[in-house]
Amino acid sequence: RSGAVFGYLGLAGELLARIRAELLAGTTGTTGTTVKVILTGGVSQLPWIDELAGVDAIDPDLTLAGLAILAAEADAAAWTAPAHPAGRDAARTEGASSARPGVTVTGSRS
């Protein structure tokens, strides 16, 4: 088991080092340029992950929280501004062709 743990740490550490070097390659002489590393997901909670150098933050739920925000924003945006001057219902009765060519809206959302 220790081979798998040390192997994973080595893999992740080398990836971080190479990505950091690549991102910083064009920033010679630029002050304040840093690369922040945030671990996400279930593996970030394992006890041996603390041995991984160069980690700035650990947030196991960051990806899921971001997806939830995007979904909420997309849902709100879909229902805030009507695409048709006469309103959303008028665009639906016309097949939405005046709002978006090639798009036909059927059904309704309740």
N, C-alpha and C. Protein backbone atom coordinates (compact mmCIF):
# COMPACT_ATOMS: atom_id res chain seq x y z
N ARG A 1 0.82 -1.21 0.00
CA ARG A 1 0.00 0.00 0.00
C ARG A 1 0.85 1.26 0.00
N SER A 2 1.98 1.20 0.69
CA SER A 2 2.80 2.41 0.75
C SER A 2 3.30 2.80 -0.62
N GLY A 3 3.52 1.81 -1.50
CA GLY A 3 3.96 2.13 -2.86
C GLY A 3 2.91 2.92 -3.62
N ALA A 4 1.65 2.57 -3.42
CA ALA A 4 0.57 3.31 -4.08
C ALA A 4 0.48 4.73 -3.54
N VAL A 5 0.61 4.88 -2.23
CA VAL A 5 0.52 6.21 -1.61
C VAL A 5 1.69 7.08 -2.05
N PHE A 6 2.91 6.54 -1.94
CA PHE A 6 4.08 7.33 -2.33
C PHE A 6 4.11 7.58 -3.83
N GLY A 7 3.63 6.62 -4.59
CA GLY A 7 3.55 6.81 -6.04
C GLY A 7 2.60 7.92 -6.41
N TYR A 8 1.44 7.95 -5.76
CA TYR A 8 0.46 9.00 -6.03
C TYR A 8 0.99 10.37 -5.60
N LEU A 9 1.63 10.42 -4.44
CA LEU A 9 2.22 11.68 -3.99
C LEU A 9 3.29 12.16 -4.97
N GLY A 10 4.12 11.23 -5.44
CA GLY A 10 5.15 11.59 -6.42
C GLY A 10 4.55 12.09 -7.72
N LEU A 11 3.52 11.42 -8.20
CA LEU A 11 2.85 11.83 -9.42
C LEU A 11 2.26 13.22 -9.28
N ALA A 12 1.50 13.43 -8.22
CA ALA A 12 0.85 14.73 -8.00
C ALA A 12 1.88 15.82 -7.80
N GLY A 13 2.93 15.55 -7.03
CA GLY A 13 3.98 16.54 -6.78
C GLY A 13 4.69 16.94 -8.06
N GLU A 14 5.00 15.96 -8.90
CA GLU A 14 5.69 16.25 -10.16
C GLU A 14 4.79 17.03 -11.11
N LEU A 15 3.51 16.67 -11.17
CA LEU A 15 2.57 17.43 -12.00
C LEU A 15 2.48 18.88 -11.54
N LEU A 16 2.36 19.09 -10.24
CA LEU A 16 2.30 20.45 -9.71
C LEU A 16 3.56 21.24 -10.06
N ALA A 17 4.71 20.63 -9.89
CA ALA A 17 5.97 21.31 -10.17
C ALA A 17 6.08 21.69 -11.65
N ARG A 18 5.71 20.78 -12.53
CA ARG A 18 5.81 21.06 -13.97
C ARG A 18 4.80 22.09 -14.43
N ILE A 19 3.58 22.00 -13.95
CA ILE A 19 2.56 22.98 -14.32
C ILE A 19 2.93 24.36 -13.78
N ARG A 20 3.39 24.41 -12.54
CA ARG A 20 3.82 25.68 -11.95
C ARG A 20 4.96 26.29 -12.77
N ALA A 21 5.94 25.49 -13.15
CA ALA A 21 7.07 25.98 -13.95
C ALA A 21 6.60 26.49 -15.31
N GLU A 22 5.67 25.77 -15.92
CA GLU A 22 5.15 26.18 -17.23
C GLU A 22 4.39 27.49 -17.14
N LEU A 23 3.57 27.62 -16.11
CA LEU A 23 2.78 28.85 -15.95
C LEU A 23 3.65 30.06 -15.62
N LEU A 24 4.73 29.83 -14.89
CA LEU A 24 5.60 30.93 -14.49
C LEU A 24 6.71 31.20 -15.50
N ALA A 25 6.83 30.39 -16.55
CA ALA A 25 7.93 30.52 -17.51
C ALA A 25 7.96 31.90 -18.17
N GLY A 26 6.84 32.45 -18.51
CA GLY A 26 6.80 33.73 -19.19
C GLY A 26 6.68 34.93 -18.28
N THR A 27 6.86 34.75 -16.99
CA THR A 27 6.64 35.85 -16.05
C THR A 27 7.93 36.33 -15.38
N THR A 28 9.07 36.09 -16.00
CA THR A 28 10.34 36.49 -15.41
C THR A 28 10.35 38.00 -15.17
N GLY A 29 10.67 38.39 -13.98
CA GLY A 29 10.74 39.80 -13.63
C GLY A 29 9.42 40.41 -13.21
N THR A 30 8.34 39.66 -13.31
CA THR A 30 7.03 40.16 -12.90
C THR A 30 6.86 39.93 -11.41
N THR A 31 6.61 41.00 -10.69
CA THR A 31 6.47 40.88 -9.24
C THR A 31 5.06 40.43 -8.87
N GLY A 32 4.98 39.66 -7.82
CA GLY A 32 3.68 39.23 -7.30
C GLY A 32 3.04 38.10 -8.08
N THR A 33 3.74 37.49 -9.02
CA THR A 33 3.17 36.41 -9.79
C THR A 33 3.34 35.10 -9.05
N THR A 34 2.23 34.45 -8.76
CA THR A 34 2.26 33.16 -8.06
C THR A 34 1.25 32.22 -8.70
N VAL A 35 1.40 30.97 -8.41
CA VAL A 35 0.45 29.96 -8.83
C VAL A 35 -0.17 29.38 -7.56
N LYS A 36 -1.46 29.49 -7.44
CA LYS A 36 -2.17 28.95 -6.29
C LYS A 36 -2.66 27.54 -6.59
N VAL A 37 -2.50 26.64 -5.66
CA VAL A 37 -2.92 25.25 -5.81
C VAL A 37 -4.01 24.96 -4.79
N ILE A 38 -5.17 24.52 -5.29
CA ILE A 38 -6.28 24.16 -4.43
C ILE A 38 -6.64 22.71 -4.73
N LEU A 39 -6.60 21.87 -3.72
CA LEU A 39 -6.99 20.47 -3.88
C LEU A 39 -8.49 20.35 -3.69
N THR A 40 -9.14 19.61 -4.59
CA THR A 40 -10.58 19.41 -4.50
C THR A 40 -10.88 17.93 -4.59
N GLY A 41 -12.07 17.55 -4.23
CA GLY A 41 -12.50 16.16 -4.35
C GLY A 41 -12.20 15.33 -3.13
N GLY A 42 -12.63 14.09 -3.18
CA GLY A 42 -12.53 13.19 -2.04
C GLY A 42 -11.11 12.84 -1.64
N VAL A 43 -10.20 12.71 -2.63
CA VAL A 43 -8.81 12.35 -2.31
C VAL A 43 -8.13 13.45 -1.50
N SER A 44 -8.58 14.68 -1.66
CA SER A 44 -7.96 15.79 -0.93
C SER A 44 -8.14 15.67 0.58
N GLN A 45 -9.04 14.81 1.03
CA GLN A 45 -9.30 14.64 2.46
C GLN A 45 -8.49 13.51 3.09
N LEU A 46 -7.74 12.78 2.29
CA LEU A 46 -6.97 11.67 2.84
C LEU A 46 -5.83 12.20 3.71
N PRO A 47 -5.50 11.51 4.78
CA PRO A 47 -4.52 12.03 5.74
C PRO A 47 -3.12 12.24 5.16
N TRP A 48 -2.71 11.42 4.20
CA TRP A 48 -1.36 11.54 3.68
C TRP A 48 -1.20 12.66 2.66
N ILE A 49 -2.29 13.32 2.28
CA ILE A 49 -2.22 14.40 1.30
C ILE A 49 -1.49 15.62 1.87
N ASP A 50 -1.39 15.71 3.20
CA ASP A 50 -0.67 16.81 3.84
C ASP A 50 0.82 16.79 3.48
N GLU A 51 1.32 15.66 3.04
CA GLU A 51 2.72 15.55 2.66
C GLU A 51 3.00 16.13 1.27
N LEU A 52 1.97 16.50 0.54
CA LEU A 52 2.12 17.08 -0.79
C LEU A 52 2.52 18.54 -0.65
N ALA A 53 3.69 18.87 -1.16
CA ALA A 53 4.23 20.24 -1.03
C ALA A 53 3.57 21.19 -2.02
N GLY A 54 3.48 22.44 -1.64
CA GLY A 54 3.01 23.49 -2.54
C GLY A 54 1.52 23.64 -2.64
N VAL A 55 0.78 23.15 -1.68
CA VAL A 55 -0.69 23.26 -1.69
C VAL A 55 -1.09 24.47 -0.87
N ASP A 56 -1.91 25.33 -1.46
CA ASP A 56 -2.34 26.55 -0.77
C ASP A 56 -3.65 26.38 -0.01
N ALA A 57 -4.52 25.52 -0.51
CA ALA A 57 -5.83 25.33 0.14
C ALA A 57 -6.38 23.96 -0.21
N ILE A 58 -7.24 23.47 0.66
CA ILE A 58 -7.94 22.21 0.41
C ILE A 58 -9.43 22.48 0.60
N ASP A 59 -10.20 22.22 -0.46
CA ASP A 59 -11.65 22.41 -0.41
C ASP A 59 -12.30 21.24 -1.15
N PRO A 60 -12.67 20.18 -0.43
CA PRO A 60 -13.19 18.98 -1.07
C PRO A 60 -14.46 19.22 -1.90
N ASP A 61 -15.24 20.23 -1.57
CA ASP A 61 -16.52 20.47 -2.24
C ASP A 61 -16.49 21.63 -3.23
N LEU A 62 -15.32 22.14 -3.57
CA LEU A 62 -15.23 23.32 -4.42
C LEU A 62 -15.86 23.10 -5.79
N THR A 63 -15.57 21.99 -6.43
CA THR A 63 -16.11 21.72 -7.76
C THR A 63 -17.63 21.61 -7.72
N LEU A 64 -18.16 20.89 -6.74
CA LEU A 64 -19.61 20.75 -6.63
C LEU A 64 -20.28 22.09 -6.32
N ALA A 65 -19.66 22.90 -5.48
CA ALA A 65 -20.21 24.22 -5.17
C ALA A 65 -20.23 25.10 -6.42
N GLY A 66 -19.17 25.03 -7.20
CA GLY A 66 -19.12 25.80 -8.45
C GLY A 66 -20.18 25.37 -9.43
N LEU A 67 -20.38 24.08 -9.57
CA LEU A 67 -21.43 23.58 -10.46
C LEU A 67 -22.81 24.00 -9.99
N ALA A 68 -23.04 24.02 -8.69
CA ALA A 68 -24.33 24.45 -8.15
C ALA A 68 -24.57 25.93 -8.45
N ILE A 69 -23.53 26.75 -8.34
CA ILE A 69 -23.65 28.18 -8.65
C ILE A 69 -23.96 28.37 -10.13
N LEU A 70 -23.24 27.66 -11.00
CA LEU A 70 -23.49 27.77 -12.44
C LEU A 70 -24.91 27.35 -12.80
N ALA A 71 -25.38 26.28 -12.20
CA ALA A 71 -26.74 25.81 -12.48
C ALA A 71 -27.77 26.84 -12.03
N ALA A 72 -27.58 27.42 -10.86
CA ALA A 72 -28.51 28.44 -10.36
C ALA A 72 -28.51 29.67 -11.25
N GLU A 73 -27.32 30.10 -11.69
CA GLU A 73 -27.23 31.27 -12.56
C GLU A 73 -27.85 31.00 -13.92
N ALA A 74 -27.63 29.82 -14.47
CA ALA A 74 -28.21 29.47 -15.76
C ALA A 74 -29.73 29.42 -15.68
N ASP A 75 -30.24 28.86 -14.59
CA ASP A 75 -31.68 28.79 -14.40
C ASP A 75 -32.29 30.18 -14.26
N ALA A 76 -31.63 31.04 -13.50
CA ALA A 76 -32.13 32.40 -13.32
C ALA A 76 -32.07 33.19 -14.63
N ALA A 77 -30.99 33.03 -15.38
CA ALA A 77 -30.83 33.76 -16.64
C ALA A 77 -31.86 33.32 -17.67
N ALA A 78 -32.25 32.07 -17.63
CA ALA A 78 -33.22 31.56 -18.60
C ALA A 78 -34.60 32.16 -18.40
N TRP A 79 -34.86 32.69 -17.21
CA TRP A 79 -36.20 33.18 -16.92
C TRP A 79 -36.27 34.65 -16.55
N THR A 80 -35.20 35.42 -16.74
CA THR A 80 -35.24 36.82 -16.33
C THR A 80 -35.58 37.77 -17.46
N ALA A 81 -35.00 37.61 -18.64
CA ALA A 81 -35.21 38.57 -19.72
C ALA A 81 -35.90 37.88 -20.90
N PRO A 82 -37.10 38.33 -21.28
CA PRO A 82 -37.76 37.73 -22.44
C PRO A 82 -36.98 38.04 -23.71
N ALA A 83 -36.87 37.07 -24.60
CA ALA A 83 -36.15 37.25 -25.86
C ALA A 83 -37.01 37.93 -26.90
N HIS A 84 -38.30 37.99 -26.69
CA HIS A 84 -39.23 38.56 -27.66
C HIS A 84 -39.79 39.86 -27.09
N PRO A 85 -39.93 40.91 -27.93
CA PRO A 85 -40.44 42.19 -27.40
C PRO A 85 -41.80 42.08 -26.72
N ALA A 86 -42.64 41.15 -27.16
CA ALA A 86 -43.97 41.01 -26.57
C ALA A 86 -43.96 40.11 -25.35
N GLY A 87 -42.83 39.56 -25.01
CA GLY A 87 -42.74 38.70 -23.84
C GLY A 87 -42.45 37.26 -24.19
N ARG A 88 -42.18 36.48 -23.18
CA ARG A 88 -41.78 35.08 -23.35
C ARG A 88 -42.89 34.25 -24.00
N ASP A 89 -44.15 34.45 -23.62
CA ASP A 89 -45.24 33.64 -24.16
C ASP A 89 -45.43 33.89 -25.65
N ALA A 90 -45.24 35.13 -26.10
CA ALA A 90 -45.36 35.43 -27.53
C ALA A 90 -44.27 34.72 -28.32
N ALA A 91 -43.07 34.68 -27.80
CA ALA A 91 -41.98 33.99 -28.48
C ALA A 91 -42.28 32.51 -28.59
N ARG A 92 -42.93 31.93 -27.60
CA ARG A 92 -43.25 30.50 -27.65
C ARG A 92 -44.32 30.20 -28.69
N THR A 93 -45.31 31.07 -28.78
CA THR A 93 -46.38 30.81 -29.74
C THR A 93 -45.89 30.96 -31.17
N GLU A 94 -44.85 31.75 -31.38
CA GLU A 94 -44.29 31.92 -32.72
C GLU A 94 -43.20 30.89 -33.00
N GLY A 95 -42.99 29.93 -32.15
CA GLY A 95 -41.96 28.93 -32.35
C GLY A 95 -40.57 29.45 -32.05
N ALA A 96 -40.47 30.64 -31.47
CA ALA A 96 -39.20 31.25 -31.08
C ALA A 96 -38.29 31.53 -32.26
N SER A 97 -38.83 31.47 -33.49
CA SER A 97 -37.96 31.69 -34.65
C SER A 97 -37.45 33.13 -34.71
N SER A 98 -38.22 34.09 -34.19
CA SER A 98 -37.74 35.47 -34.20
C SER A 98 -36.69 35.72 -33.13
N ALA A 99 -36.71 34.92 -32.06
CA ALA A 99 -35.73 35.10 -31.00
C ALA A 99 -34.42 34.42 -31.34
N ARG A 100 -34.50 33.17 -31.80
CA ARG A 100 -33.30 32.40 -32.15
C ARG A 100 -33.60 31.57 -33.39
N PRO A 101 -33.05 31.92 -34.52
CA PRO A 101 -33.30 31.16 -35.74
C PRO A 101 -32.91 29.69 -35.55
N GLY A 102 -33.77 28.80 -36.03
CA GLY A 102 -33.47 27.39 -35.96
C GLY A 102 -33.83 26.73 -34.65
N VAL A 103 -34.38 27.48 -33.70
CA VAL A 103 -34.72 26.93 -32.39
C VAL A 103 -36.23 26.97 -32.24
N THR A 104 -36.81 25.85 -31.91
CA THR A 104 -38.24 25.80 -31.67
C THR A 104 -38.47 25.42 -30.21
N VAL A 105 -39.24 26.22 -29.53
CA VAL A 105 -39.52 25.96 -28.12
C VAL A 105 -40.88 25.28 -28.04
N THR A 106 -40.91 24.14 -27.39
CA THR A 106 -42.18 23.45 -27.19
C THR A 106 -42.38 23.19 -25.71
N GLY A 107 -43.60 23.13 -25.30
CA GLY A 107 -43.89 22.89 -23.89
C GLY A 107 -43.68 24.14 -23.07
N SER A 108 -43.90 24.01 -21.79
CA SER A 108 -43.69 25.14 -20.90
C SER A 108 -43.11 24.66 -19.60
N ARG A 109 -42.55 25.58 -18.90
CA ARG A 109 -41.92 25.28 -17.62
C ARG A 109 -42.83 25.79 -16.51
N SER A 110 -43.14 24.98 -15.53
CA SER A 110 -44.01 25.45 -14.46
C SER A 110 -43.29 25.53 -13.17
